[in-house]
Amino acid sequence: MTTIEHNSGAPRTVTCPMCGHSFTCGLSSTCWCVTRKVPAEVKEYLAERYTTCVCIECLDKLIEKVGAGESC
């Protein structure tokens, strides 16, 4: 996902900046987001716009769009 600095390794509840839903961010290499192959275009898009993680649904939508040849 995006490169985000976390202060601790404990999971936290985050509000997705794209859709407003709450989700749990694992803050580690075991978080759900590491199970996704995130294209560089998506990483750049997220890093330019947000300072926190996005939810699994929004991340998957962005990955799908780029995979279909669309831009973020």
PDB file of N, CA and C in Angstrom:
ATOM      1  N   MET A   1       0.824  -1.168   0.000  1.00  0.00           N
ATOM      2  CA  MET A   1       0.000   0.000   0.000  1.00  0.00           C
ATOM      3  C   MET A   1       0.872   1.235   0.000  1.00  0.00           C
ATOM      4  N   THR A   2       0.414   2.315   0.544  1.00  0.00           N
ATOM      5  CA  THR A   2       1.228   3.514   0.580  1.00  0.00           C
ATOM      6  C   THR A   2       2.266   3.390   1.670  1.00  0.00           C
ATOM      7  N   THR A   3       3.297   4.201   1.597  1.00  0.00           N
ATOM      8  CA  THR A   3       4.306   4.213   2.640  1.00  0.00           C
ATOM      9  C   THR A   3       3.830   5.158   3.725  1.00  0.00           C
ATOM     10  N   ILE A   4       3.408   4.598   4.830  1.00  0.00           N
ATOM     11  CA  ILE A   4       2.867   5.378   5.934  1.00  0.00           C
ATOM     12  C   ILE A   4       3.635   5.015   7.194  1.00  0.00           C
ATOM     13  N   GLU A   5       4.095   6.028   7.893  1.00  0.00           N
ATOM     14  CA  GLU A   5       4.814   5.796   9.139  1.00  0.00           C
ATOM     15  C   GLU A   5       3.815   5.604  10.269  1.00  0.00           C
ATOM     16  N   HIS A   6       4.000   4.548  11.055  1.00  0.00           N
ATOM     17  CA  HIS A   6       3.130   4.265  12.191  1.00  0.00           C
ATOM     18  C   HIS A   6       3.953   4.360  13.467  1.00  0.00           C
ATOM     19  N   ASN A   7       3.338   4.861  14.513  1.00  0.00           N
ATOM     20  CA  ASN A   7       4.034   5.045  15.775  1.00  0.00           C
ATOM     21  C   ASN A   7       4.160   3.768  16.592  1.00  0.00           C
ATOM     22  N   SER A   8       3.305   2.799  16.349  1.00  0.00           N
ATOM     23  CA  SER A   8       3.378   1.561  17.106  1.00  0.00           C
ATOM     24  C   SER A   8       2.967   0.405  16.210  1.00  0.00           C
ATOM     25  N   GLY A   9       3.172  -0.795  16.673  1.00  0.00           N
ATOM     26  CA  GLY A   9       2.816  -1.964  15.896  1.00  0.00           C
ATOM     27  C   GLY A   9       1.432  -2.487  16.210  1.00  0.00           C
ATOM     28  N   ALA A  10       0.687  -1.791  17.046  1.00  0.00           N
ATOM     29  CA  ALA A  10      -0.644  -2.249  17.426  1.00  0.00           C
ATOM     30  C   ALA A  10      -1.661  -1.848  16.373  1.00  0.00           C
ATOM     31  N   PRO A  11      -2.597  -2.726  16.037  1.00  0.00           N
ATOM     32  CA  PRO A  11      -3.637  -2.368  15.078  1.00  0.00           C
ATOM     33  C   PRO A  11      -4.435  -1.165  15.556  1.00  0.00           C
ATOM     34  N   ARG A  12      -4.973  -0.418  14.598  1.00  0.00           N
ATOM     35  CA  ARG A  12      -5.785   0.746  14.944  1.00  0.00           C
ATOM     36  C   ARG A  12      -6.982   0.820  14.009  1.00  0.00           C
ATOM     37  N   THR A  13      -8.022   1.479  14.472  1.00  0.00           N
ATOM     38  CA  THR A  13      -9.199   1.699  13.654  1.00  0.00           C
ATOM     39  C   THR A  13      -8.979   2.969  12.850  1.00  0.00           C
ATOM     40  N   VAL A  14      -9.227   2.864  11.545  1.00  0.00           N
ATOM     41  CA  VAL A  14      -8.997   3.969  10.612  1.00  0.00           C
ATOM     42  C   VAL A  14     -10.291   4.226   9.857  1.00  0.00           C
ATOM     43  N   THR A  15     -10.534   5.481   9.520  1.00  0.00           N
ATOM     44  CA  THR A  15     -11.641   5.829   8.644  1.00  0.00           C
ATOM     45  C   THR A  15     -11.071   6.002   7.249  1.00  0.00           C
ATOM     46  N   CYS A  16     -11.599   5.255   6.301  1.00  0.00           N
ATOM     47  CA  CYS A  16     -11.116   5.318   4.926  1.00  0.00           C
ATOM     48  C   CYS A  16     -11.363   6.719   4.369  1.00  0.00           C
ATOM     49  N   PRO A  17     -10.323   7.380   3.851  1.00  0.00           N
ATOM     50  CA  PRO A  17     -10.500   8.719   3.316  1.00  0.00           C
ATOM     51  C   PRO A  17     -11.254   8.745   1.992  1.00  0.00           C
ATOM     52  N   MET A  18     -11.426   7.588   1.376  1.00  0.00           N
ATOM     53  CA  MET A  18     -12.139   7.530   0.094  1.00  0.00           C
ATOM     54  C   MET A  18     -13.640   7.345   0.272  1.00  0.00           C
ATOM     55  N   CYS A  19     -14.037   6.461   1.186  1.00  0.00           N
ATOM     56  CA  CYS A  19     -15.463   6.132   1.299  1.00  0.00           C
ATOM     57  C   CYS A  19     -16.063   6.442   2.668  1.00  0.00           C
ATOM     58  N   GLY A  20     -15.214   6.674   3.677  1.00  0.00           N
ATOM     59  CA  GLY A  20     -15.702   7.011   5.006  1.00  0.00           C
ATOM     60  C   GLY A  20     -15.992   5.837   5.916  1.00  0.00           C
ATOM     61  N   HIS A  21     -15.803   4.608   5.449  1.00  0.00           N
ATOM     62  CA  HIS A  21     -16.030   3.443   6.297  1.00  0.00           C
ATOM     63  C   HIS A  21     -14.853   3.214   7.240  1.00  0.00           C
ATOM     64  N   SER A  22     -15.117   2.678   8.417  1.00  0.00           N
ATOM     65  CA  SER A  22     -14.070   2.342   9.376  1.00  0.00           C
ATOM     66  C   SER A  22     -13.561   0.935   9.114  1.00  0.00           C
ATOM     67  N   PHE A  23     -12.269   0.743   9.357  1.00  0.00           N
ATOM     68  CA  PHE A  23     -11.665  -0.573   9.196  1.00  0.00           C
ATOM     69  C   PHE A  23     -10.459  -0.671  10.109  1.00  0.00           C
ATOM     70  N   THR A  24      -9.914  -1.870  10.257  1.00  0.00           N
ATOM     71  CA  THR A  24      -8.739  -2.073  11.099  1.00  0.00           C
ATOM     72  C   THR A  24      -7.492  -2.114  10.238  1.00  0.00           C
ATOM     73  N   CYS A  25      -6.529  -1.288  10.609  1.00  0.00           N
ATOM     74  CA  CYS A  25      -5.218  -1.264   9.960  1.00  0.00           C
ATOM     75  C   CYS A  25      -4.278  -2.049  10.867  1.00  0.00           C
ATOM     76  N   GLY A  26      -3.626  -3.075  10.320  1.00  0.00           N
ATOM     77  CA  GLY A  26      -2.769  -3.941  11.120  1.00  0.00           C
ATOM     78  C   GLY A  26      -1.424  -3.358  11.488  1.00  0.00           C
ATOM     79  N   LEU A  27      -1.018  -2.274  10.821  1.00  0.00           N
ATOM     80  CA  LEU A  27       0.241  -1.589  11.134  1.00  0.00           C
ATOM     81  C   LEU A  27       1.458  -2.499  11.120  1.00  0.00           C
ATOM     82  N   SER A  28       1.429  -3.533  10.285  1.00  0.00           N
ATOM     83  CA  SER A  28       2.568  -4.446  10.266  1.00  0.00           C
ATOM     84  C   SER A  28       2.597  -5.231   8.966  1.00  0.00           C
ATOM     85  N   SER A  29       3.573  -6.069   8.848  1.00  0.00           N
ATOM     86  CA  SER A  29       3.701  -6.906   7.660  1.00  0.00           C
ATOM     87  C   SER A  29       2.660  -8.017   7.633  1.00  0.00           C
ATOM     88  N   THR A  30       1.814  -8.107   8.655  1.00  0.00           N
ATOM     89  CA  THR A  30       0.750  -9.115   8.667  1.00  0.00           C
ATOM     90  C   THR A  30      -0.621  -8.496   8.380  1.00  0.00           C
ATOM     91  N   CYS A  31      -0.656  -7.203   8.059  1.00  0.00           N
ATOM     92  CA  CYS A  31      -1.927  -6.537   7.755  1.00  0.00           C
ATOM     93  C   CYS A  31      -2.523  -7.116   6.464  1.00  0.00           C
ATOM     94  N   TRP A  32      -3.828  -7.026   6.317  1.00  0.00           N
ATOM     95  CA  TRP A  32      -4.518  -7.539   5.137  1.00  0.00           C
ATOM     96  C   TRP A  32      -3.986  -6.923   3.847  1.00  0.00           C
ATOM     97  N   CYS A  33      -3.503  -5.675   3.888  1.00  0.00           N
ATOM     98  CA  CYS A  33      -3.089  -5.006   2.656  1.00  0.00           C
ATOM     99  C   CYS A  33      -1.874  -5.656   2.008  1.00  0.00           C
ATOM    100  N   VAL A  34      -1.057  -6.359   2.780  1.00  0.00           N
ATOM    101  CA  VAL A  34       0.118  -7.000   2.192  1.00  0.00           C
ATOM    102  C   VAL A  34      -0.261  -8.217   1.360  1.00  0.00           C
ATOM    103  N   THR A  35      -1.514  -8.652   1.435  1.00  0.00           N
ATOM    104  CA  THR A  35      -1.962  -9.768   0.609  1.00  0.00           C
ATOM    105  C   THR A  35      -2.354  -9.309  -0.796  1.00  0.00           C
ATOM    106  N   ARG A  36      -2.324  -7.994  -1.031  1.00  0.00           N
ATOM    107  CA  ARG A  36      -2.686  -7.425  -2.329  1.00  0.00           C
ATOM    108  C   ARG A  36      -1.436  -7.051  -3.106  1.00  0.00           C
ATOM    109  N   LYS A  37      -1.448  -7.305  -4.412  1.00  0.00           N
ATOM    110  CA  LYS A  37      -0.384  -6.836  -5.282  1.00  0.00           C
ATOM    111  C   LYS A  37      -0.828  -5.467  -5.787  1.00  0.00           C
ATOM    112  N   VAL A  38      -0.235  -4.426  -5.231  1.00  0.00           N
ATOM    113  CA  VAL A  38      -0.663  -3.063  -5.524  1.00  0.00           C
ATOM    114  C   VAL A  38       0.256  -2.467  -6.593  1.00  0.00           C
ATOM    115  N   PRO A  39      -0.302  -2.149  -7.762  1.00  0.00           N
ATOM    116  CA  PRO A  39       0.511  -1.555  -8.829  1.00  0.00           C
ATOM    117  C   PRO A  39       1.099  -0.213  -8.410  1.00  0.00           C
ATOM    118  N   ALA A  40       2.239   0.133  -8.977  1.00  0.00           N
ATOM    119  CA  ALA A  40       2.918   1.388  -8.659  1.00  0.00           C
ATOM    120  C   ALA A  40       1.993   2.581  -8.876  1.00  0.00           C
ATOM    121  N   GLU A  41       1.178   2.553  -9.922  1.00  0.00           N
ATOM    122  CA  GLU A  41       0.259   3.656 -10.197  1.00  0.00           C
ATOM    123  C   GLU A  41      -0.704   3.885  -9.030  1.00  0.00           C
ATOM    124  N   VAL A  42      -1.187   2.807  -8.442  1.00  0.00           N
ATOM    125  CA  VAL A  42      -2.101   2.915  -7.304  1.00  0.00           C
ATOM    126  C   VAL A  42      -1.356   3.452  -6.084  1.00  0.00           C
ATOM    127  N   LYS A  43      -0.162   2.955  -5.832  1.00  0.00           N
ATOM    128  CA  LYS A  43       0.636   3.441  -4.700  1.00  0.00           C
ATOM    129  C   LYS A  43       0.882   4.939  -4.825  1.00  0.00           C
ATOM    130  N   GLU A  44       1.248   5.376  -6.016  1.00  0.00           N
ATOM    131  CA  GLU A  44       1.511   6.799  -6.246  1.00  0.00           C
ATOM    132  C   GLU A  44       0.242   7.627  -6.050  1.00  0.00           C
ATOM    133  N   TYR A  45      -0.860   7.148  -6.590  1.00  0.00           N
ATOM    134  CA  TYR A  45      -2.148   7.837  -6.457  1.00  0.00           C
ATOM    135  C   TYR A  45      -2.499   8.040  -4.981  1.00  0.00           C
ATOM    136  N   LEU A  46      -2.383   6.975  -4.201  1.00  0.00           N
ATOM    137  CA  LEU A  46      -2.725   7.044  -2.786  1.00  0.00           C
ATOM    138  C   LEU A  46      -1.758   7.942  -2.020  1.00  0.00           C
ATOM    139  N   ALA A  47      -0.477   7.815  -2.282  1.00  0.00           N
ATOM    140  CA  ALA A  47       0.524   8.604  -1.563  1.00  0.00           C
ATOM    141  C   ALA A  47       0.369  10.098  -1.832  1.00  0.00           C
ATOM    142  N   GLU A  48      -0.066  10.455  -3.032  1.00  0.00           N
ATOM    143  CA  GLU A  48      -0.245  11.864  -3.394  1.00  0.00           C
ATOM    144  C   GLU A  48      -1.489  12.478  -2.757  1.00  0.00           C
ATOM    145  N   ARG A  49      -2.454  11.654  -2.362  1.00  0.00           N
ATOM    146  CA  ARG A  49      -3.741  12.165  -1.908  1.00  0.00           C
ATOM    147  C   ARG A  49      -4.055  11.953  -0.435  1.00  0.00           C
ATOM    148  N   TYR A  50      -3.509  10.915   0.169  1.00  0.00           N
ATOM    149  CA  TYR A  50      -3.924  10.552   1.517  1.00  0.00           C
ATOM    150  C   TYR A  50      -2.732  10.357   2.439  1.00  0.00           C
ATOM    151  N   THR A  51      -2.966  10.576   3.717  1.00  0.00           N
ATOM    152  CA  THR A  51      -1.922  10.370   4.724  1.00  0.00           C
ATOM    153  C   THR A  51      -2.179   9.121   5.554  1.00  0.00           C
ATOM    154  N   THR A  52      -3.221   8.386   5.222  1.00  0.00           N
ATOM    155  CA  THR A  52      -3.551   7.163   5.939  1.00  0.00           C
ATOM    156  C   THR A  52      -3.947   6.086   4.936  1.00  0.00           C
ATOM    157  N   CYS A  53      -4.160   4.901   5.417  1.00  0.00           N
ATOM    158  CA  CYS A  53      -4.551   3.770   4.588  1.00  0.00           C
ATOM    159  C   CYS A  53      -5.991   3.930   4.088  1.00  0.00           C
ATOM    160  N   VAL A  54      -6.315   3.181   3.039  1.00  0.00           N
ATOM    161  CA  VAL A  54      -7.699   3.092   2.564  1.00  0.00           C
ATOM    162  C   VAL A  54      -8.201   1.687   2.865  1.00  0.00           C
ATOM    163  N   CYS A  55      -9.504   1.519   2.865  1.00  0.00           N
ATOM    164  CA  CYS A  55     -10.093   0.216   3.200  1.00  0.00           C
ATOM    165  C   CYS A  55      -9.875  -0.800   2.083  1.00  0.00           C
ATOM    166  N   ILE A  56     -10.139  -2.040   2.401  1.00  0.00           N
ATOM    167  CA  ILE A  56      -9.924  -3.136   1.465  1.00  0.00           C
ATOM    168  C   ILE A  56     -10.785  -2.985   0.205  1.00  0.00           C
ATOM    169  N   GLU A  57     -12.006  -2.512   0.367  1.00  0.00           N
ATOM    170  CA  GLU A  57     -12.896  -2.351  -0.787  1.00  0.00           C
ATOM    171  C   GLU A  57     -12.371  -1.279  -1.738  1.00  0.00           C
ATOM    172  N   CYS A  58     -11.953  -0.143  -1.193  1.00  0.00           N
ATOM    173  CA  CYS A  58     -11.436   0.938  -2.038  1.00  0.00           C
ATOM    174  C   CYS A  58     -10.113   0.543  -2.685  1.00  0.00           C
ATOM    175  N   LEU A  59      -9.248  -0.121  -1.935  1.00  0.00           N
ATOM    176  CA  LEU A  59      -7.981  -0.568  -2.502  1.00  0.00           C
ATOM    177  C   LEU A  59      -8.231  -1.547  -3.644  1.00  0.00           C
ATOM    178  N   ASP A  60      -9.120  -2.500  -3.433  1.00  0.00           N
ATOM    179  CA  ASP A  60      -9.422  -3.471  -4.484  1.00  0.00           C
ATOM    180  C   ASP A  60     -10.025  -2.805  -5.722  1.00  0.00           C
ATOM    181  N   LYS A  61     -10.875  -1.791  -5.539  1.00  0.00           N
ATOM    182  CA  LYS A  61     -11.457  -1.070  -6.682  1.00  0.00           C
ATOM    183  C   LYS A  61     -10.371  -0.372  -7.496  1.00  0.00           C
ATOM    184  N   LEU A  62      -9.423   0.271  -6.809  1.00  0.00           N
ATOM    185  CA  LEU A  62      -8.339   0.950  -7.511  1.00  0.00           C
ATOM    186  C   LEU A  62      -7.463  -0.052  -8.270  1.00  0.00           C
ATOM    187  N   ILE A  63      -7.150  -1.164  -7.630  1.00  0.00           N
ATOM    188  CA  ILE A  63      -6.341  -2.204  -8.276  1.00  0.00           C
ATOM    189  C   ILE A  63      -7.066  -2.732  -9.511  1.00  0.00           C
ATOM    190  N   GLU A  64      -8.374  -2.943  -9.388  1.00  0.00           N
ATOM    191  CA  GLU A  64      -9.167  -3.455 -10.506  1.00  0.00           C
ATOM    192  C   GLU A  64      -9.196  -2.458 -11.667  1.00  0.00           C
ATOM    193  N   LYS A  65      -9.372  -1.178 -11.360  1.00  0.00           N
ATOM    194  CA  LYS A  65      -9.390  -0.147 -12.400  1.00  0.00           C
ATOM    195  C   LYS A  65      -8.090  -0.129 -13.187  1.00  0.00           C
ATOM    196  N   VAL A  66      -6.976  -0.146 -12.482  1.00  0.00           N
ATOM    197  CA  VAL A  66      -5.671  -0.113 -13.145  1.00  0.00           C
ATOM    198  C   VAL A  66      -5.463  -1.404 -13.947  1.00  0.00           C
ATOM    199  N   GLY A  67      -5.904  -2.523 -13.390  1.00  0.00           N
ATOM    200  CA  GLY A  67      -5.793  -3.798 -14.099  1.00  0.00           C
ATOM    201  C   GLY A  67      -6.616  -3.834 -15.382  1.00  0.00           C
ATOM    202  N   ALA A  68      -7.686  -3.044 -15.426  1.00  0.00           N
ATOM    203  CA  ALA A  68      -8.546  -2.972 -16.604  1.00  0.00           C
ATOM    204  C   ALA A  68      -8.058  -1.917 -17.601  1.00  0.00           C
ATOM    205  N   GLY A  69      -6.925  -1.291 -17.292  1.00  0.00           N
ATOM    206  CA  GLY A  69      -6.362  -0.314 -18.192  1.00  0.00           C
ATOM    207  C   GLY A  69      -6.847   1.115 -17.960  1.00  0.00           C
ATOM    208  N   GLU A  70      -7.631   1.316 -16.906  1.00  0.00           N
ATOM    209  CA  GLU A  70      -8.111   2.649 -16.574  1.00  0.00           C
ATOM    210  C   GLU A  70      -7.121   3.316 -15.627  1.00  0.00           C
ATOM    211  N   SER A  71      -7.171   4.630 -15.553  1.00  0.00           N
ATOM    212  CA  SER A  71      -6.335   5.320 -14.581  1.00  0.00           C
ATOM    213  C   SER A  71      -7.114   5.468 -13.280  1.00  0.00           C
ATOM    214  N   CYS A  72      -6.383   5.704 -12.199  1.00  0.00           N
ATOM    215  CA  CYS A  72      -6.998   5.849 -10.884  1.00  0.00           C
ATOM    216  C   CYS A  72      -7.930   7.043 -10.834  1.00  0.00           C
TER     217      CYS A  72
END
